PDB file of N, CA and C in Angstrom:
ATOM      1  N   MET A   1      15.578 -28.313  18.180  1.00  0.00           N
ATOM      2  CA  MET A   1      14.335 -27.670  17.840  1.00  0.00           C
ATOM      3  C   MET A   1      13.246 -28.728  17.737  1.00  0.00           C
ATOM      4  N   SER A   2      12.110 -28.440  18.353  1.00  0.00           N
ATOM      5  CA  SER A   2      11.016 -29.410  18.299  1.00  0.00           C
ATOM      6  C   SER A   2      10.299 -29.314  16.959  1.00  0.00           C
ATOM      7  N   CYS A   3       9.470 -30.284  16.714  1.00  0.00           N
ATOM      8  CA  CYS A   3       8.691 -30.326  15.471  1.00  0.00           C
ATOM      9  C   CYS A   3       7.810 -29.078  15.352  1.00  0.00           C
ATOM     10  N   ASP A   4       7.212 -28.680  16.475  1.00  0.00           N
ATOM     11  CA  ASP A   4       6.369 -27.488  16.470  1.00  0.00           C
ATOM     12  C   ASP A   4       7.181 -26.234  16.141  1.00  0.00           C
ATOM     13  N   ASP A   5       8.368 -26.131  16.693  1.00  0.00           N
ATOM     14  CA  ASP A   5       9.222 -24.975  16.431  1.00  0.00           C
ATOM     15  C   ASP A   5       9.620 -24.908  14.959  1.00  0.00           C
ATOM     16  N   GLU A   6       9.898 -26.051  14.374  1.00  0.00           N
ATOM     17  CA  GLU A   6      10.268 -26.097  12.964  1.00  0.00           C
ATOM     18  C   GLU A   6       9.090 -25.680  12.091  1.00  0.00           C
ATOM     19  N   LEU A   7       7.912 -26.160  12.440  1.00  0.00           N
ATOM     20  CA  LEU A   7       6.712 -25.816  11.684  1.00  0.00           C
ATOM     21  C   LEU A   7       6.432 -24.312  11.774  1.00  0.00           C
ATOM     22  N   ILE A   8       6.579 -23.752  12.950  1.00  0.00           N
ATOM     23  CA  ILE A   8       6.367 -22.312  13.144  1.00  0.00           C
ATOM     24  C   ILE A   8       7.392 -21.520  12.347  1.00  0.00           C
ATOM     25  N   ALA A   9       8.632 -21.959  12.341  1.00  0.00           N
ATOM     26  CA  ALA A   9       9.686 -21.269  11.588  1.00  0.00           C
ATOM     27  C   ALA A   9       9.394 -21.314  10.090  1.00  0.00           C
ATOM     28  N   LYS A  10       8.953 -22.453   9.591  1.00  0.00           N
ATOM     29  CA  LYS A  10       8.617 -22.576   8.168  1.00  0.00           C
ATOM     30  C   LYS A  10       7.433 -21.678   7.820  1.00  0.00           C
ATOM     31  N   TYR A  11       6.430 -21.661   8.692  1.00  0.00           N
ATOM     32  CA  TYR A  11       5.257 -20.823   8.469  1.00  0.00           C
ATOM     33  C   TYR A  11       5.669 -19.350   8.437  1.00  0.00           C
ATOM     34  N   HIS A  12       6.473 -18.950   9.405  1.00  0.00           N
ATOM     35  CA  HIS A  12       6.926 -17.558   9.480  1.00  0.00           C
ATOM     36  C   HIS A  12       7.687 -17.176   8.217  1.00  0.00           C
ATOM     37  N   LYS A  13       8.568 -18.038   7.764  1.00  0.00           N
ATOM     38  CA  LYS A  13       9.353 -17.771   6.560  1.00  0.00           C
ATOM     39  C   LYS A  13       8.441 -17.662   5.335  1.00  0.00           C
ATOM     40  N   PHE A  14       7.376 -18.442   5.308  1.00  0.00           N
ATOM     41  CA  PHE A  14       6.455 -18.438   4.180  1.00  0.00           C
ATOM     42  C   PHE A  14       5.579 -17.181   4.165  1.00  0.00           C
ATOM     43  N   VAL A  15       5.051 -16.777   5.316  1.00  0.00           N
ATOM     44  CA  VAL A  15       4.082 -15.673   5.353  1.00  0.00           C
ATOM     45  C   VAL A  15       4.713 -14.292   5.480  1.00  0.00           C
ATOM     46  N   LEU A  16       5.939 -14.198   5.948  1.00  0.00           N
ATOM     47  CA  LEU A  16       6.572 -12.900   6.163  1.00  0.00           C
ATOM     48  C   LEU A  16       6.546 -12.007   4.916  1.00  0.00           C
ATOM     49  N   PRO A  17       6.885 -12.498   3.724  1.00  0.00           N
ATOM     50  CA  PRO A  17       6.831 -11.627   2.535  1.00  0.00           C
ATOM     51  C   PRO A  17       5.428 -11.067   2.269  1.00  0.00           C
ATOM     52  N   TYR A  18       4.404 -11.843   2.581  1.00  0.00           N
ATOM     53  CA  TYR A  18       3.034 -11.372   2.366  1.00  0.00           C
ATOM     54  C   TYR A  18       2.685 -10.230   3.319  1.00  0.00           C
ATOM     55  N   PHE A  19       3.101 -10.346   4.558  1.00  0.00           N
ATOM     56  CA  PHE A  19       2.844  -9.282   5.516  1.00  0.00           C
ATOM     57  C   PHE A  19       3.649  -8.028   5.173  1.00  0.00           C
ATOM     58  N   GLU A  20       4.863  -8.201   4.689  1.00  0.00           N
ATOM     59  CA  GLU A  20       5.662  -7.058   4.254  1.00  0.00           C
ATOM     60  C   GLU A  20       4.997  -6.359   3.073  1.00  0.00           C
ATOM     61  N   LYS A  21       4.468  -7.143   2.130  1.00  0.00           N
ATOM     62  CA  LYS A  21       3.786  -6.585   0.969  1.00  0.00           C
ATOM     63  C   LYS A  21       2.513  -5.851   1.399  1.00  0.00           C
ATOM     64  N   MET A  22       1.779  -6.398   2.356  1.00  0.00           N
ATOM     65  CA  MET A  22       0.569  -5.733   2.850  1.00  0.00           C
ATOM     66  C   MET A  22       0.911  -4.393   3.487  1.00  0.00           C
ATOM     67  N   ALA A  23       2.006  -4.333   4.233  1.00  0.00           N
ATOM     68  CA  ALA A  23       2.425  -3.079   4.860  1.00  0.00           C
ATOM     69  C   ALA A  23       2.796  -2.055   3.789  1.00  0.00           C
ATOM     70  N   LEU A  24       3.523  -2.482   2.776  1.00  0.00           N
ATOM     71  CA  LEU A  24       3.904  -1.592   1.681  1.00  0.00           C
ATOM     72  C   LEU A  24       2.665  -1.105   0.933  1.00  0.00           C
ATOM     73  N   ASN A  25       1.736  -1.999   0.669  1.00  0.00           N
ATOM     74  CA  ASN A  25       0.501  -1.615  -0.013  1.00  0.00           C
ATOM     75  C   ASN A  25      -0.270  -0.580   0.804  1.00  0.00           C
ATOM     76  N   GLY A  26      -0.296  -0.737   2.107  1.00  0.00           N
ATOM     77  CA  GLY A  26      -0.978   0.223   2.977  1.00  0.00           C
ATOM     78  C   GLY A  26      -0.366   1.609   2.867  1.00  0.00           C
ATOM     79  N   LYS A  27       0.959   1.683   2.824  1.00  0.00           N
ATOM     80  CA  LYS A  27       1.644   2.971   2.671  1.00  0.00           C
ATOM     81  C   LYS A  27       1.335   3.590   1.309  1.00  0.00           C
ATOM     82  N   GLN A  28       1.327   2.755   0.268  1.00  0.00           N
ATOM     83  CA  GLN A  28       1.032   3.262  -1.070  1.00  0.00           C
ATOM     84  C   GLN A  28      -0.401   3.760  -1.167  1.00  0.00           C
ATOM     85  N   ILE A  29      -1.326   3.069  -0.532  1.00  0.00           N
ATOM     86  CA  ILE A  29      -2.724   3.496  -0.524  1.00  0.00           C
ATOM     87  C   ILE A  29      -2.846   4.871   0.120  1.00  0.00           C
ATOM     88  N   CYS A  30      -2.158   5.073   1.216  1.00  0.00           N
ATOM     89  CA  CYS A  30      -2.183   6.361   1.914  1.00  0.00           C
ATOM     90  C   CYS A  30      -1.620   7.466   1.020  1.00  0.00           C
ATOM     91  N   THR A  31      -0.502   7.215   0.380  1.00  0.00           N
ATOM     92  CA  THR A  31       0.119   8.194  -0.507  1.00  0.00           C
ATOM     93  C   THR A  31      -0.798   8.517  -1.684  1.00  0.00           C
ATOM     94  N   LEU A  32      -1.359   7.501  -2.308  1.00  0.00           N
ATOM     95  CA  LEU A  32      -2.238   7.721  -3.456  1.00  0.00           C
ATOM     96  C   LEU A  32      -3.522   8.444  -3.061  1.00  0.00           C
ATOM     97  N   THR A  33      -4.033   8.170  -1.888  1.00  0.00           N
ATOM     98  CA  THR A  33      -5.229   8.855  -1.393  1.00  0.00           C
ATOM     99  C   THR A  33      -4.952  10.339  -1.208  1.00  0.00           C
ATOM    100  N   GLN A  34      -3.806  10.656  -0.622  1.00  0.00           N
ATOM    101  CA  GLN A  34      -3.445  12.059  -0.426  1.00  0.00           C
ATOM    102  C   GLN A  34      -3.264  12.769  -1.765  1.00  0.00           C
ATOM    103  N   LEU A  35      -2.630  12.102  -2.719  1.00  0.00           N
ATOM    104  CA  LEU A  35      -2.427  12.680  -4.042  1.00  0.00           C
ATOM    105  C   LEU A  35      -3.766  12.898  -4.741  1.00  0.00           C
ATOM    106  N   ARG A  36      -4.639  11.915  -4.687  1.00  0.00           N
ATOM    107  CA  ARG A  36      -5.965  12.044  -5.293  1.00  0.00           C
ATOM    108  C   ARG A  36      -6.722  13.223  -4.711  1.00  0.00           C
ATOM    109  N   ASP A  37      -6.708  13.348  -3.395  1.00  0.00           N
ATOM    110  CA  ASP A  37      -7.433  14.430  -2.735  1.00  0.00           C
ATOM    111  C   ASP A  37      -6.880  15.796  -3.131  1.00  0.00           C
ATOM    112  N   ALA A  38      -5.561  15.902  -3.202  1.00  0.00           N
ATOM    113  CA  ALA A  38      -4.935  17.171  -3.578  1.00  0.00           C
ATOM    114  C   ALA A  38      -5.262  17.534  -5.024  1.00  0.00           C
ATOM    115  N   LEU A  39      -5.177  16.569  -5.925  1.00  0.00           N
ATOM    116  CA  LEU A  39      -5.462  16.843  -7.332  1.00  0.00           C
ATOM    117  C   LEU A  39      -6.935  17.157  -7.553  1.00  0.00           C
ATOM    118  N   LEU A  40      -7.812  16.453  -6.875  1.00  0.00           N
ATOM    119  CA  LEU A  40      -9.236  16.713  -7.019  1.00  0.00           C
ATOM    120  C   LEU A  40      -9.577  18.123  -6.559  1.00  0.00           C
ATOM    121  N   ALA A  41      -9.000  18.550  -5.452  1.00  0.00           N
ATOM    122  CA  ALA A  41      -9.240  19.910  -4.961  1.00  0.00           C
ATOM    123  C   ALA A  41      -8.768  20.938  -5.991  1.00  0.00           C
ATOM    124  N   LYS A  42      -7.609  20.713  -6.589  1.00  0.00           N
ATOM    125  CA  LYS A  42      -7.088  21.640  -7.594  1.00  0.00           C
ATOM    126  C   LYS A  42      -7.964  21.654  -8.849  1.00  0.00           C
ATOM    127  N   LEU A  43      -8.469  20.489  -9.247  1.00  0.00           N
ATOM    128  CA  LEU A  43      -9.360  20.425 -10.404  1.00  0.00           C
ATOM    129  C   LEU A  43     -10.654  21.195 -10.139  1.00  0.00           C
ATOM    130  N   LEU A  44     -11.214  21.013  -8.970  1.00  0.00           N
ATOM    131  CA  LEU A  44     -12.471  21.683  -8.636  1.00  0.00           C
ATOM    132  C   LEU A  44     -12.308  23.198  -8.545  1.00  0.00           C
ATOM    133  N   LYS A  45     -11.133  23.662  -8.139  1.00  0.00           N
ATOM    134  CA  LYS A  45     -10.852  25.108  -8.047  1.00  0.00           C
ATOM    135  C   LYS A  45     -10.338  25.650  -9.382  1.00  0.00           C
ATOM    136  N   ARG A  46     -10.249  24.776 -10.382  1.00  0.00           N
ATOM    137  CA  ARG A  46      -9.743  25.131 -11.705  1.00  0.00           C
ATOM    138  C   ARG A  46      -8.307  25.665 -11.652  1.00  0.00           C
ATOM    139  N   GLU A  47      -7.525  25.159 -10.706  1.00  0.00           N
ATOM    140  CA  GLU A  47      -6.115  25.524 -10.628  1.00  0.00           C
ATOM    141  C   GLU A  47      -5.294  24.721 -11.635  1.00  0.00           C
ATOM    142  N   ILE A  48      -5.823  23.562 -12.020  1.00  0.00           N
ATOM    143  CA  ILE A  48      -5.211  22.739 -13.071  1.00  0.00           C
ATOM    144  C   ILE A  48      -6.324  22.284 -13.995  1.00  0.00           C
ATOM    145  N   GLU A  49      -5.946  21.911 -15.207  1.00  0.00           N
ATOM    146  CA  GLU A  49      -6.936  21.417 -16.149  1.00  0.00           C
ATOM    147  C   GLU A  49      -6.384  20.189 -16.859  1.00  0.00           C
ATOM    148  N   ILE A  50      -7.291  19.421 -17.405  1.00  0.00           N
ATOM    149  CA  ILE A  50      -6.916  18.234 -18.168  1.00  0.00           C
ATOM    150  C   ILE A  50      -7.081  18.589 -19.639  1.00  0.00           C
ATOM    151  N   LYS A  51      -6.001  18.537 -20.386  1.00  0.00           N
ATOM    152  CA  LYS A  51      -6.061  18.873 -21.811  1.00  0.00           C
ATOM    153  C   LYS A  51      -6.940  17.873 -22.544  1.00  0.00           C
ATOM    154  N   GLY A  52      -7.677  18.387 -23.506  1.00  0.00           N
ATOM    155  CA  GLY A  52      -8.532  17.534 -24.318  1.00  0.00           C
ATOM    156  C   GLY A  52      -9.898  17.310 -23.704  1.00  0.00           C
ATOM    157  N   MET A  53     -10.195  17.969 -22.608  1.00  0.00           N
ATOM    158  CA  MET A  53     -11.498  17.801 -21.975  1.00  0.00           C
ATOM    159  C   MET A  53     -12.237  19.113 -22.010  1.00  0.00           C
TER     160      MET A  53
END
């Protein structure tokens, strides 16, 4: 393995967890956005209420 190949392998090993975390965060953002939109619609239609408000 050349010096460049070793450097690329080390870089890949270092950054891979960050890219995996970014992908997971993207999925969570999508899920939370859908949940927010659904709950907001129900609140506006008074299908659900928040106690104490």
